[in-house]
């Protein structure tokens, strides 16, 4: 079975730094497992690896589409698996790095996608697009919870297309979308490394990251995202919409930054809950407070690749 190193964990915990360190040890190439880093021009708000970091090791699954486009998890998996195959064929080690748990889990085969061709329904799409634009995603999520509470609980905030598809298929098939998914089957021999640290330390890092992002030019990206259609997936990304009111002159920059920090902290908490509940074979490390653990991680990865 094909070997794959996977690095998961909440935002701002040091996944990029670890991926670069491991890439040096095992001739690695890095595959982003983040649902928002596929969008061009959205670099700071999505915490994309910088040009300097990308120069250290090859990176894949970045900058694939314009922010006006919607990029599905099915497209992501098809492209990412192809990239992983090609990296392995080159004699290098694929290192999947991500904070979007569902993308990582689906790619591993732990949650295969349902291969269902739903019938297009323009009236359904128009109805829910209008509701989401005027009332947010909560009515859509509540409607899905009535027919498929499992999917309503699984699908992350902002994933409007997945919410709509699960609701449409549940209604068309007369049974919950979640019950139509194939049995899980792990497709890779995966070494899954999880990064975490004490919550107060993580929250401090998140707050500092937000301040740094604004200094580095986040507001230019916010201005771009604000012009996107309301149904664009990129418009729902944490890191942008929290600053829309500041851009419109409705509140101070500090207030907007505080909202972004709070949203990011909540997202980190959801990420940790998700990883702990959904992927049981993660080996957790705290490289923030115990940087000496890096040597252990490197050794473990070397032994895994030789095994």
Protein backbone atom coordinates (compact mmCIF):
# COMPACT_ATOMS: atom_id res chain seq x y z
CA UNK A 1 0.00 0.00 0.00
CA UNK A 2 1.25 3.47 -0.92
CA UNK A 3 2.89 5.35 1.96
CA UNK A 4 1.61 8.80 2.90
CA UNK A 5 2.62 11.13 5.70
CA UNK A 6 -0.27 13.24 7.00
CA UNK A 7 -0.01 16.31 9.25
CA UNK A 8 -3.24 17.56 10.83
CA UNK A 9 -4.21 19.97 13.58
CA UNK A 10 -5.88 23.29 14.25
CA UNK A 11 -4.93 26.59 12.67
CA UNK A 12 -1.73 28.34 13.84
CA UNK A 13 -0.23 25.26 15.50
CA UNK A 14 2.82 24.90 13.21
CA UNK A 15 1.78 22.40 10.52
CA UNK A 16 3.64 24.23 7.75
CA UNK A 17 6.89 24.37 9.71
CA UNK A 18 6.70 20.64 10.48
CA UNK A 19 5.94 19.75 6.86
CA UNK A 20 9.03 21.64 5.69
CA UNK A 21 11.20 19.99 8.34
CA UNK A 22 9.99 16.51 7.38
CA UNK A 23 10.34 17.23 3.66
CA UNK A 24 14.07 17.68 4.25
CA UNK A 25 14.28 14.31 6.01
CA UNK A 26 12.39 12.10 3.53
CA UNK A 27 12.70 13.97 0.19
CA UNK A 28 9.14 15.11 0.65
CA UNK A 29 6.72 17.01 -1.55
CA UNK A 30 3.85 18.77 0.18
CA UNK A 31 0.19 18.38 -0.75
CA UNK A 32 -2.16 20.95 0.75
CA UNK A 33 -5.26 19.46 2.36
CA UNK A 34 -6.97 22.81 2.86
CA UNK A 35 -10.25 23.59 1.11
CA UNK A 36 -9.49 27.32 0.73
CA UNK A 37 -5.86 27.22 -0.40
CA UNK A 38 -7.00 26.05 -3.84
CA UNK A 39 -8.05 29.66 -4.56
CA UNK A 40 -5.67 32.02 -6.30
CA UNK A 41 -4.97 35.47 -4.78
CA UNK A 42 -6.15 34.37 -1.31
CA UNK A 43 -2.75 33.84 0.27
CA UNK A 44 -2.66 35.62 3.62
CA UNK A 45 -6.15 34.84 4.89
CA UNK A 46 -5.81 31.14 4.06
CA UNK A 47 -2.31 30.91 5.64
CA UNK A 48 -0.89 29.57 2.40
CA UNK A 49 2.80 28.67 2.42
CA UNK A 50 4.81 31.73 1.41
CA UNK A 51 6.97 31.87 -1.71
CA UNK A 52 10.05 31.35 0.48
CA UNK A 53 8.47 28.30 2.13
CA UNK A 54 7.36 26.88 -1.22
CA UNK A 55 10.96 27.22 -2.43
CA UNK A 56 12.12 24.79 0.30
CA UNK A 57 10.00 21.91 -1.01
CA UNK A 58 7.57 21.43 -3.91
CA UNK A 59 3.96 22.25 -3.02
CA UNK A 60 0.80 20.93 -4.66
CA UNK A 61 -2.95 21.72 -4.56
CA UNK A 62 -2.40 25.47 -4.25
CA UNK A 63 -3.75 28.21 -6.56
CA UNK A 64 -5.87 25.92 -8.73
CA UNK A 65 -8.92 28.09 -9.43
CA UNK A 66 -10.17 31.68 -9.28
CA UNK A 67 -12.10 32.73 -6.14
CA UNK A 68 -15.26 33.15 -8.24
CA UNK A 69 -15.27 29.40 -8.92
CA UNK A 70 -16.54 26.70 -6.55
CA UNK A 71 -14.17 23.77 -6.06
CA UNK A 72 -15.80 20.58 -4.84
CA UNK A 73 -14.31 17.96 -2.56
CA UNK A 74 -14.72 15.43 -5.40
CA UNK A 75 -12.51 17.53 -7.68
CA UNK A 76 -10.04 18.00 -4.85
CA UNK A 77 -9.71 14.27 -4.17
CA UNK A 78 -9.32 13.35 -7.84
CA UNK A 79 -6.54 15.91 -8.34
CA UNK A 80 -4.81 15.27 -4.99
CA UNK A 81 -4.66 11.50 -5.52
CA UNK A 82 -3.11 12.09 -8.94
CA UNK A 83 -0.50 14.41 -7.37
CA UNK A 84 0.27 11.83 -4.66
CA UNK A 85 0.72 9.09 -7.27
CA UNK A 86 3.11 11.27 -9.30
CA UNK A 87 5.15 12.24 -6.24
CA UNK A 88 5.55 8.56 -5.33
CA UNK A 89 6.52 7.69 -8.93
CA UNK A 90 9.28 10.31 -8.71
CA UNK A 91 10.69 8.45 -5.72
CA UNK A 92 9.69 11.21 -3.32
CA UNK A 93 7.46 11.14 -0.25
CA UNK A 94 3.99 12.76 -0.35
CA UNK A 95 3.22 14.80 2.78
CA UNK A 96 -0.44 15.77 3.11
CA UNK A 97 -0.89 18.86 5.28
CA UNK A 98 -4.28 20.14 6.21
CA UNK A 99 -6.76 21.60 8.54
CA UNK A 100 -9.89 20.72 6.53
CA UNK A 101 -10.71 17.46 8.22
CA UNK A 102 -13.34 16.23 5.80
CA UNK A 103 -10.99 16.68 2.82
CA UNK A 104 -8.25 14.73 4.60
CA UNK A 105 -10.63 11.99 5.70
CA UNK A 106 -12.21 11.62 2.26
CA UNK A 107 -8.80 11.54 0.57
CA UNK A 108 -7.59 8.78 2.91
CA UNK A 109 -10.68 6.72 2.06
CA UNK A 110 -12.02 6.90 5.60
CA UNK A 111 -15.16 8.61 4.30
CA UNK A 112 -15.70 7.82 0.62
CA UNK A 113 -17.92 10.13 -1.35
CA UNK A 114 -21.34 8.95 -2.41
CA UNK A 115 -21.31 8.37 -6.17
CA UNK A 116 -24.77 9.74 -6.83
CA UNK A 117 -25.91 11.74 -9.84
CA UNK A 118 -28.57 13.95 -8.38
CA UNK A 119 -31.09 15.43 -10.81
CA UNK A 120 -30.44 19.16 -11.34
CA UNK A 121 -33.16 21.29 -9.78
CA UNK A 122 -32.87 24.97 -10.69
CA UNK A 123 -35.86 25.90 -8.55
CA UNK A 124 -34.29 24.22 -5.51
CA UNK A 125 -30.95 25.98 -6.16
CA UNK A 126 -32.52 29.41 -6.63
CA UNK A 127 -34.66 29.03 -3.52
CA UNK A 128 -31.79 28.10 -1.22
CA UNK A 129 -29.31 30.53 -2.76
CA UNK A 130 -31.74 33.35 -2.02
CA UNK A 131 -32.33 32.13 1.54
CA UNK A 132 -28.57 31.84 2.20
CA UNK A 133 -27.96 35.32 0.79
CA UNK A 134 -30.64 36.92 2.95
CA UNK A 135 -30.60 34.78 6.12
CA UNK A 136 -27.26 32.98 6.18
CA UNK A 137 -26.71 29.23 6.18
CA UNK A 138 -28.65 28.34 9.35
CA UNK A 139 -32.07 27.78 7.67
CA UNK A 140 -30.38 25.49 5.13
CA UNK A 141 -28.56 23.55 7.84
CA UNK A 142 -31.80 23.25 9.86
CA UNK A 143 -33.69 21.92 6.83
CA UNK A 144 -30.98 19.31 6.29
CA UNK A 145 -31.05 18.35 9.98
CA UNK A 146 -34.73 17.45 9.60
CA UNK A 147 -33.99 14.79 6.96
CA UNK A 148 -30.33 13.93 7.65
CA UNK A 149 -29.02 15.02 11.07
CA UNK A 150 -25.74 13.12 10.51
CA UNK A 151 -24.82 15.17 7.43
CA UNK A 152 -26.02 18.39 9.07
CA UNK A 153 -23.61 17.71 11.93
CA UNK A 154 -20.71 16.63 9.71
CA UNK A 155 -20.67 19.45 7.18
CA UNK A 156 -18.55 22.39 8.29
CA UNK A 157 -19.75 26.00 8.45
CA UNK A 158 -19.48 27.77 5.11
CA UNK A 159 -19.78 24.63 2.99
CA UNK A 160 -22.99 25.75 1.32
CA UNK A 161 -22.67 23.54 -1.76
CA UNK A 162 -22.28 20.42 0.39
CA UNK A 163 -25.27 21.39 2.53
CA UNK A 164 -27.42 21.97 -0.56
CA UNK A 165 -26.32 18.72 -2.21
CA UNK A 166 -26.98 16.64 0.90
CA UNK A 167 -30.44 18.18 1.26
CA UNK A 168 -31.30 17.77 -2.43
CA UNK A 169 -30.20 14.12 -2.57
CA UNK A 170 -31.96 13.30 0.71
CA UNK A 171 -35.20 14.74 -0.70
CA UNK A 172 -34.80 13.10 -4.12
CA UNK A 173 -33.84 9.67 -2.81
CA UNK A 174 -36.28 9.65 0.10
CA UNK A 175 -33.53 8.64 2.55
CA UNK A 176 -30.68 10.44 4.32
CA UNK A 177 -27.73 11.33 2.11
CA UNK A 178 -25.39 10.01 4.82
CA UNK A 179 -26.91 6.52 4.51
CA UNK A 180 -26.01 6.38 0.81
CA UNK A 181 -22.24 6.70 1.29
CA UNK A 182 -20.01 3.65 0.58
CA UNK A 183 -18.21 1.74 3.32
CA UNK A 184 -14.94 3.36 4.41
CA UNK A 185 -11.67 1.78 3.26
CA UNK A 186 -8.24 3.26 4.02
CA UNK A 187 -6.44 3.67 0.69
CA UNK A 188 -2.97 4.57 1.95
CA UNK A 189 -0.45 3.30 4.46
CA UNK A 190 -0.68 6.57 6.36
CA UNK A 191 1.45 7.93 9.19
CA UNK A 192 -0.85 10.56 10.71
CA UNK A 193 0.80 13.18 12.92
CA UNK A 194 -1.38 15.56 14.88
CA UNK A 195 -0.17 18.88 16.26
CA UNK A 196 -1.79 20.55 19.24
CA UNK A 197 -0.80 22.61 22.25
CA UNK A 198 -2.35 23.96 25.43
CA UNK A 199 -5.50 25.87 24.51
CA UNK A 200 -4.41 29.22 26.00
CA UNK A 201 -1.12 28.98 24.13
CA UNK A 202 -2.90 28.11 20.87
CA UNK A 203 -5.34 31.01 21.29
CA UNK A 204 -2.44 33.43 21.87
CA UNK A 205 -0.81 32.18 18.66
CA UNK A 206 -4.07 32.65 16.75
CA UNK A 207 -4.45 36.21 18.04
CA UNK A 208 -0.87 37.02 17.06
CA UNK A 209 -1.36 35.49 13.64
CA UNK A 210 -4.40 37.70 12.95
CA UNK A 211 -2.42 40.83 13.86
CA UNK A 212 0.41 39.69 11.59
CA UNK A 213 -1.96 38.92 8.71
CA UNK A 214 -3.38 42.43 8.82
CA UNK A 215 0.13 43.89 8.84
CA UNK A 216 1.07 41.72 5.84
CA UNK A 217 -1.82 42.98 3.69
CA UNK A 218 -4.89 40.92 4.57
CA UNK A 219 -7.22 43.86 3.92
CA UNK A 220 -6.38 43.81 0.19
CA UNK A 221 -7.59 40.23 0.05
CA UNK A 222 -10.70 41.14 2.08
CA UNK A 223 -11.54 43.80 -0.51
CA UNK A 224 -11.31 41.18 -3.26
CA UNK A 225 -13.41 38.61 -1.41
CA UNK A 226 -16.07 41.21 -0.62
CA UNK A 227 -16.74 41.61 -4.37
CA UNK A 228 -17.44 37.89 -4.87
CA UNK A 229 -20.98 36.57 -5.34
CA UNK A 230 -22.60 35.60 -2.04
CA UNK A 231 -22.80 31.96 -3.12
CA UNK A 232 -19.04 31.73 -3.81
CA UNK A 233 -17.42 29.25 -1.43
CA UNK A 234 -14.42 31.53 -0.93
CA UNK A 235 -16.69 34.27 0.43
CA UNK A 236 -17.54 32.07 3.42
CA UNK A 237 -13.91 31.49 4.42
CA UNK A 238 -12.92 32.46 7.94
CA UNK A 239 -10.44 35.30 7.61
CA UNK A 240 -12.40 37.60 5.35
CA UNK A 241 -16.09 38.05 6.14
CA UNK A 242 -15.29 39.12 9.71
CA UNK A 243 -13.71 42.29 8.32
CA UNK A 244 -16.48 43.25 5.87
CA UNK A 245 -18.09 45.68 8.33
CA UNK A 246 -14.76 47.46 8.82
CA UNK A 247 -14.34 47.74 5.05
CA UNK A 248 -17.82 49.28 4.87
CA UNK A 249 -16.98 51.83 7.57
CA UNK A 250 -19.42 50.30 10.05
CA UNK A 251 -16.91 49.45 12.77
CA UNK A 252 -13.29 49.94 13.79
CA UNK A 253 -10.40 47.82 12.59
CA UNK A 254 -9.82 46.64 16.16
CA UNK A 255 -13.42 45.45 16.39
CA UNK A 256 -13.08 43.60 13.10
CA UNK A 257 -9.83 42.00 14.19
CA UNK A 258 -11.41 40.92 17.47
CA UNK A 259 -14.23 39.22 15.55
CA UNK A 260 -11.70 37.47 13.31
CA UNK A 261 -9.69 36.29 16.30
CA UNK A 262 -12.82 34.93 17.96
CA UNK A 263 -13.97 33.17 14.76
CA UNK A 264 -10.51 31.65 14.31
CA UNK A 265 -10.40 30.41 17.91
CA UNK A 266 -13.82 28.80 17.50
CA UNK A 267 -12.72 27.21 14.25
CA UNK A 268 -9.62 25.77 15.92
CA UNK A 269 -11.80 24.25 18.62
CA UNK A 270 -14.08 22.67 15.98
CA UNK A 271 -11.05 21.33 14.10
CA UNK A 272 -9.69 19.62 17.21
CA UNK A 273 -13.05 18.10 18.07
CA UNK A 274 -13.44 16.85 14.52
CA UNK A 275 -9.99 15.26 14.30
CA UNK A 276 -10.33 13.61 17.70
CA UNK A 277 -13.73 12.16 16.82
CA UNK A 278 -13.18 11.21 13.19
CA UNK A 279 -9.59 9.96 12.75
CA UNK A 280 -8.64 7.57 15.57
CA UNK A 281 -5.05 6.75 14.59
CA UNK A 282 -3.52 10.23 14.96
CA UNK A 283 -0.27 10.45 16.95
CA UNK A 284 -0.37 13.77 18.79
CA UNK A 285 2.61 16.01 19.55
CA UNK A 286 3.07 19.48 21.06
CA UNK A 287 5.95 21.07 19.18
CA UNK A 288 5.06 24.55 20.46
CA UNK A 289 5.79 23.89 24.11
CA UNK A 290 8.08 20.90 23.56
CA UNK A 291 10.11 21.64 20.42
CA UNK A 292 12.51 18.82 21.34
CA UNK A 293 9.75 16.41 20.25
CA UNK A 294 10.63 17.30 16.66
CA UNK A 295 13.55 14.85 16.79
CA UNK A 296 11.14 12.10 17.86
CA UNK A 297 8.76 12.92 15.01
CA UNK A 298 11.60 12.90 12.48
CA UNK A 299 12.86 9.54 13.73
CA UNK A 300 9.36 8.05 13.71
CA UNK A 301 8.84 9.20 10.13
CA UNK A 302 12.21 7.79 9.01
CA UNK A 303 11.36 4.41 10.55
CA UNK A 304 7.90 4.49 8.97
CA UNK A 305 9.33 5.09 5.51
CA UNK A 306 11.85 2.24 5.97
CA UNK A 307 9.24 -0.16 7.32
